[in-house]
Amino acid sequence: MVSWSGHILPVLATIAIWFIATGLVAWIDNRERSTFPRSLMLGGAAGIIGLCIVFLTMNSVSVWAAYAAFGAAILVWSWLEIGFLTGAVSGSRKEPCAEGISAWERFCQAASTLSHHEIALTLTAVMLISLTWNAPNQLAAMTFALLYVMRLSTKLNIFHGVPNSATDILPPHLAYLKSYYGPQRLGWPLVVSIMAAAALSIWLGSVAINSPAGSAEAVGASLLFAFAALGTVEHIFLALPFRDGMLWGWALPRSRRSKMAQSPITRGEV
């Protein structure tokens, strides 16, 4: 049975956190580059606070601990996203893709633009999973792992090629990443990814529904369901003429908003 406290409220909280956190990160990373050191310092502090919350809540199975662990994972994830989008932790390659190279060389070059960030994400995921392996509350690790898998799927699909890879919130100093985008096409990897994400969402939703109403289990499963569903929607956006600026344009500088309003959707346009 669906309940307000065990199912609806966690879903609404997840949507709000997703919307606000994404917009905040976009705002931070589209500001003047002179503000980046302070942003990185504040992001690092938020990430450390998140890790402390994970440690403090991993042995609690209460509802508040579920929300706290979920929020802690978002803080850690946001810290790493700020590091990537400011260019501080991206990869060894910071230039456009070379022309006339093979598919494998293109993949290697693309991977080198993200290598440091991917290593940081992987190590953090391993750390959170190891830290909470035998703990009663593993929601922080589960949340981070879900974000990691969804984001990796998005990156691989964009590299392979999707009908719509336009993004308005990518900072100008990372514009070289657009040269690694694949052609505009609807390929089987995106279709499979959407189906897999939808199946995961349905399974997590069933877990939430079958958990005791109002329990920490119901809250945790509902939080994960909402994130999986949002990940599914984001994958669907890759196949539709949708601009992320429609949701997070408020976080962009006024000049970027004006340019976005005047230009049509074009692959790789910023």
Protein backbone atom coordinates (compact mmCIF):
# COMPACT_ATOMS: atom_id res chain seq x y z
CA MET A 1 0.00 0.00 0.00
CA VAL A 2 1.32 3.43 -0.94
CA SER A 3 1.79 5.77 2.01
CA TRP A 4 2.65 9.45 2.24
CA SER A 5 5.61 9.09 4.62
CA GLY A 6 7.04 5.88 3.18
CA HIS A 7 6.62 6.47 -0.55
CA ILE A 8 5.28 9.81 -1.77
CA LEU A 9 7.37 12.08 0.46
CA PRO A 10 10.69 10.34 -0.39
CA VAL A 11 9.93 10.62 -4.12
CA LEU A 12 9.10 14.32 -3.83
CA ALA A 13 12.24 14.88 -1.73
CA THR A 14 14.37 13.13 -4.35
CA ILE A 15 12.97 15.22 -7.19
CA ALA A 16 13.57 18.42 -5.20
CA ILE A 17 17.14 17.43 -4.33
CA TRP A 18 17.87 16.41 -7.94
CA PHE A 19 16.55 19.70 -9.30
CA ILE A 20 18.22 21.97 -6.75
CA ALA A 21 21.56 20.13 -6.58
CA THR A 22 21.94 19.98 -10.37
CA GLY A 23 21.10 23.66 -10.70
CA LEU A 24 23.49 24.61 -7.90
CA VAL A 25 26.36 22.67 -9.45
CA ALA A 26 25.59 24.23 -12.86
CA TRP A 27 25.58 27.69 -11.29
CA ILE A 28 28.91 27.11 -9.54
CA ASP A 29 30.65 25.75 -12.62
CA ASN A 30 29.39 28.45 -15.01
CA ARG A 31 30.65 31.35 -12.92
CA GLU A 32 33.90 33.21 -13.48
CA ARG A 33 36.91 30.93 -13.23
CA SER A 34 38.34 33.12 -10.50
CA THR A 35 35.60 31.75 -8.21
CA PHE A 36 36.58 28.11 -8.78
CA PRO A 37 39.17 27.79 -5.96
CA ARG A 38 36.60 28.90 -3.39
CA SER A 39 33.96 26.63 -4.93
CA LEU A 40 36.32 23.67 -4.81
CA MET A 41 37.12 24.39 -1.18
CA LEU A 42 33.46 24.63 -0.21
CA GLY A 43 32.65 21.54 -2.29
CA GLY A 44 35.42 19.65 -0.55
CA ALA A 45 34.04 20.67 2.85
CA ALA A 46 30.57 19.48 1.79
CA GLY A 47 32.03 16.18 0.60
CA ILE A 48 33.87 15.61 3.87
CA ILE A 49 30.70 16.41 5.81
CA GLY A 50 28.90 13.88 3.64
CA LEU A 51 31.48 11.20 4.43
CA CYS A 52 31.14 11.94 8.14
CA ILE A 53 27.35 11.59 7.90
CA VAL A 54 27.76 8.24 6.15
CA PHE A 55 29.97 7.03 9.00
CA LEU A 56 27.55 8.30 11.66
CA THR A 57 24.41 6.82 10.10
CA MET A 58 25.58 3.48 8.71
CA ASN A 59 24.63 1.61 11.88
CA SER A 60 21.17 3.14 12.17
CA VAL A 61 18.04 1.77 10.49
CA SER A 62 15.74 4.66 11.35
CA VAL A 63 13.89 6.77 8.81
CA TRP A 64 15.96 9.85 9.58
CA ALA A 65 19.15 7.85 9.03
CA ALA A 66 17.89 6.78 5.60
CA TYR A 67 17.32 10.39 4.56
CA ALA A 68 20.66 11.45 6.08
CA ALA A 69 22.61 8.70 4.29
CA PHE A 70 20.89 9.55 1.01
CA GLY A 71 21.72 13.23 1.42
CA ALA A 72 25.29 12.40 2.37
CA ALA A 73 25.79 10.47 -0.87
CA ILE A 74 24.51 13.49 -2.82
CA LEU A 75 26.99 15.75 -1.02
CA VAL A 76 29.89 13.46 -1.91
CA TRP A 77 28.70 13.13 -5.50
CA SER A 78 28.28 16.91 -5.85
CA TRP A 79 31.82 17.44 -4.57
CA LEU A 80 33.19 15.22 -7.33
CA GLU A 81 30.93 16.82 -9.96
CA ILE A 82 32.17 20.28 -9.01
CA GLY A 83 35.74 19.02 -9.33
CA PHE A 84 35.01 17.71 -12.81
CA LEU A 85 32.97 20.60 -14.18
CA THR A 86 35.47 23.20 -12.96
CA GLY A 87 38.14 21.25 -14.81
CA ALA A 88 40.13 20.59 -11.64
CA VAL A 89 39.60 16.82 -11.78
CA SER A 90 38.78 15.86 -15.34
CA GLY A 91 41.48 14.01 -17.28
CA SER A 92 44.96 14.19 -18.73
CA ARG A 93 43.69 15.31 -22.14
CA LYS A 94 42.16 18.79 -22.37
CA GLU A 95 41.86 19.32 -26.09
CA PRO A 96 39.46 18.37 -28.90
CA CYS A 97 39.47 14.96 -30.51
CA ALA A 98 42.06 14.53 -33.26
CA GLU A 99 40.73 14.16 -36.79
CA GLY A 100 41.13 11.11 -39.00
CA ILE A 101 41.76 8.61 -36.21
CA SER A 102 40.38 5.10 -35.71
CA ALA A 103 37.40 4.27 -33.48
CA TRP A 104 39.70 2.76 -30.85
CA GLU A 105 41.97 5.82 -30.83
CA ARG A 106 38.92 8.04 -30.49
CA PHE A 107 37.77 5.99 -27.50
CA CYS A 108 41.22 6.20 -25.88
CA GLN A 109 41.34 9.95 -26.36
CA ALA A 110 37.81 10.35 -25.01
CA ALA A 111 38.66 8.21 -21.98
CA SER A 112 41.74 10.32 -21.27
CA THR A 113 39.58 13.45 -21.05
CA LEU A 114 37.65 11.89 -18.14
CA SER A 115 40.23 9.53 -16.65
CA HIS A 116 40.98 11.38 -13.41
CA HIS A 117 37.30 11.96 -12.71
CA GLU A 118 36.38 8.34 -13.41
CA ILE A 119 39.17 7.10 -11.13
CA ALA A 120 37.92 9.42 -8.37
CA LEU A 121 34.35 8.17 -8.80
CA THR A 122 35.42 4.52 -8.80
CA LEU A 123 37.61 4.86 -5.73
CA THR A 124 34.87 6.72 -3.88
CA ALA A 125 32.29 4.07 -4.78
CA VAL A 126 34.64 1.31 -3.60
CA MET A 127 35.30 3.22 -0.37
CA LEU A 128 31.60 3.72 0.40
CA ILE A 129 30.75 0.10 -0.41
CA SER A 130 33.63 -1.17 1.72
CA LEU A 131 32.78 1.17 4.60
CA THR A 132 29.13 0.07 4.77
CA TRP A 133 29.54 -3.54 3.59
CA ASN A 134 28.27 -5.19 6.78
CA ALA A 135 26.44 -2.15 8.13
CA PRO A 136 22.65 -2.11 8.60
CA ASN A 137 22.34 1.14 6.62
CA GLN A 138 23.94 0.84 3.16
CA LEU A 139 21.79 3.46 1.47
CA ALA A 140 24.66 5.93 0.93
CA ALA A 141 26.69 3.36 -0.99
CA MET A 142 23.64 2.24 -2.96
CA THR A 143 22.77 5.82 -3.89
CA PHE A 144 26.30 6.63 -5.01
CA ALA A 145 26.57 3.38 -6.99
CA LEU A 146 23.24 4.10 -8.72
CA LEU A 147 24.39 7.59 -9.67
CA TYR A 148 27.70 6.17 -10.92
CA VAL A 149 26.08 3.52 -13.13
CA MET A 150 23.50 5.94 -14.56
CA ARG A 151 26.11 8.60 -15.32
CA LEU A 152 28.50 6.08 -16.90
CA SER A 153 25.68 4.79 -19.09
CA THR A 154 24.91 8.35 -20.21
CA LYS A 155 28.54 9.03 -21.08
CA LEU A 156 28.93 5.84 -23.09
CA ASN A 157 25.69 6.48 -24.97
CA ILE A 158 26.71 10.03 -25.87
CA PHE A 159 30.10 8.74 -27.05
CA HIS A 160 28.39 6.12 -29.22
CA GLY A 161 25.89 8.65 -30.53
CA VAL A 162 22.38 9.70 -29.55
CA PRO A 163 19.70 11.76 -31.30
CA ASN A 164 20.08 14.63 -28.81
CA SER A 165 23.31 15.30 -26.97
CA ALA A 166 22.81 19.07 -26.71
CA THR A 167 23.52 20.48 -23.28
CA ASP A 168 23.24 24.06 -22.11
CA ILE A 169 24.81 23.59 -18.68
CA LEU A 170 28.20 22.31 -19.88
CA PRO A 171 30.70 25.07 -18.92
CA PRO A 172 32.48 26.82 -21.82
CA HIS A 173 35.92 25.71 -20.61
CA LEU A 174 34.87 22.09 -21.20
CA ALA A 175 33.58 22.75 -24.71
CA TYR A 176 36.30 20.48 -26.15
CA LEU A 177 34.38 17.49 -24.79
CA LYS A 178 31.74 18.01 -27.47
CA SER A 179 34.21 16.89 -30.16
CA TYR A 180 34.02 13.37 -28.68
CA TYR A 181 30.24 13.10 -29.03
CA GLY A 182 29.06 10.44 -31.44
CA PRO A 183 26.80 11.04 -34.44
CA GLN A 184 23.13 11.91 -34.08
CA ARG A 185 21.45 8.52 -34.20
CA LEU A 186 19.21 6.22 -32.20
CA GLY A 187 21.31 3.12 -31.67
CA TRP A 188 20.64 -0.09 -29.79
CA PRO A 189 22.82 0.90 -26.77
CA LEU A 190 20.47 3.75 -25.89
CA VAL A 191 17.40 1.56 -26.34
CA VAL A 192 18.90 -1.14 -24.11
CA SER A 193 19.94 1.46 -21.53
CA ILE A 194 16.43 2.91 -21.35
CA MET A 195 14.91 -0.55 -20.97
CA ALA A 196 17.43 -1.54 -18.27
CA ALA A 197 16.91 1.70 -16.34
CA ALA A 198 13.14 1.31 -16.58
CA ALA A 199 13.34 -2.30 -15.38
CA LEU A 200 15.49 -1.25 -12.42
CA SER A 201 13.02 1.51 -11.58
CA ILE A 202 10.10 -0.93 -11.66
CA TRP A 203 11.94 -3.40 -9.43
CA LEU A 204 12.89 -0.73 -6.88
CA GLY A 205 9.31 0.54 -6.94
CA SER A 206 8.02 -2.95 -6.18
CA VAL A 207 10.48 -3.26 -3.30
CA ALA A 208 9.25 0.05 -1.91
CA ILE A 209 5.58 -0.91 -2.26
CA ASN A 210 6.13 -4.28 -0.58
CA SER A 211 8.04 -2.78 2.37
CA PRO A 212 6.21 -1.89 5.57
CA ALA A 213 4.50 1.48 5.16
CA GLY A 214 6.48 4.29 6.77
CA SER A 215 9.49 2.09 7.50
CA ALA A 216 13.12 2.93 6.76
CA GLU A 217 13.09 0.13 4.17
CA ALA A 218 10.18 1.75 2.33
CA VAL A 219 11.81 5.18 2.49
CA GLY A 220 15.16 3.89 1.26
CA ALA A 221 13.67 1.92 -1.61
CA SER A 222 11.47 4.88 -2.57
CA LEU A 223 14.48 7.22 -2.65
CA LEU A 224 16.37 4.81 -4.90
CA PHE A 225 13.29 4.26 -7.07
CA ALA A 226 12.91 7.98 -7.63
CA PHE A 227 16.56 8.36 -8.64
CA ALA A 228 16.38 5.37 -10.98
CA ALA A 229 13.21 6.81 -12.54
CA LEU A 230 14.91 10.19 -13.00
CA GLY A 231 17.87 8.42 -14.58
CA THR A 232 15.47 6.70 -16.97
CA VAL A 233 13.92 10.05 -17.89
CA GLU A 234 17.37 11.56 -18.49
CA HIS A 235 18.17 8.68 -20.86
CA ILE A 236 14.88 9.27 -22.68
CA PHE A 237 15.83 12.95 -23.04
CA LEU A 238 18.84 11.79 -25.10
CA ALA A 239 16.38 10.61 -27.73
CA LEU A 240 14.09 13.67 -27.64
CA PRO A 241 14.52 17.34 -28.65
CA PHE A 242 14.85 18.47 -25.05
CA ARG A 243 17.25 21.11 -23.71
CA ASP A 244 18.45 20.86 -20.14
CA GLY A 245 18.39 24.65 -20.09
CA MET A 246 14.60 24.40 -19.92
CA LEU A 247 15.01 23.06 -16.37
CA TRP A 248 18.21 24.72 -15.21
CA GLY A 249 18.41 27.88 -17.30
CA TRP A 250 17.92 29.87 -14.10
CA ALA A 251 21.35 28.67 -12.95
CA LEU A 252 23.19 29.95 -16.05
CA PRO A 253 24.63 33.43 -16.62
CA ARG A 254 22.29 35.87 -18.31
CA SER A 255 24.36 35.92 -21.51
CA ARG A 256 24.11 32.14 -21.80
CA ARG A 257 20.35 32.25 -21.23
CA SER A 258 19.93 34.84 -23.98
CA LYS A 259 21.97 32.82 -26.45
CA MET A 260 20.06 29.67 -25.54
CA ALA A 261 16.71 31.37 -26.14
CA GLN A 262 17.76 32.59 -29.57
CA SER A 263 19.29 29.38 -30.91
CA PRO A 264 17.65 26.07 -31.97
CA ILE A 265 18.68 22.70 -30.60
CA THR A 266 21.94 21.67 -32.22
CA ARG A 267 24.07 18.72 -31.22
CA GLY A 268 26.97 19.80 -29.09
CA GLU A 269 25.87 23.43 -28.92
CA VAL A 270 26.61 25.42 -25.81
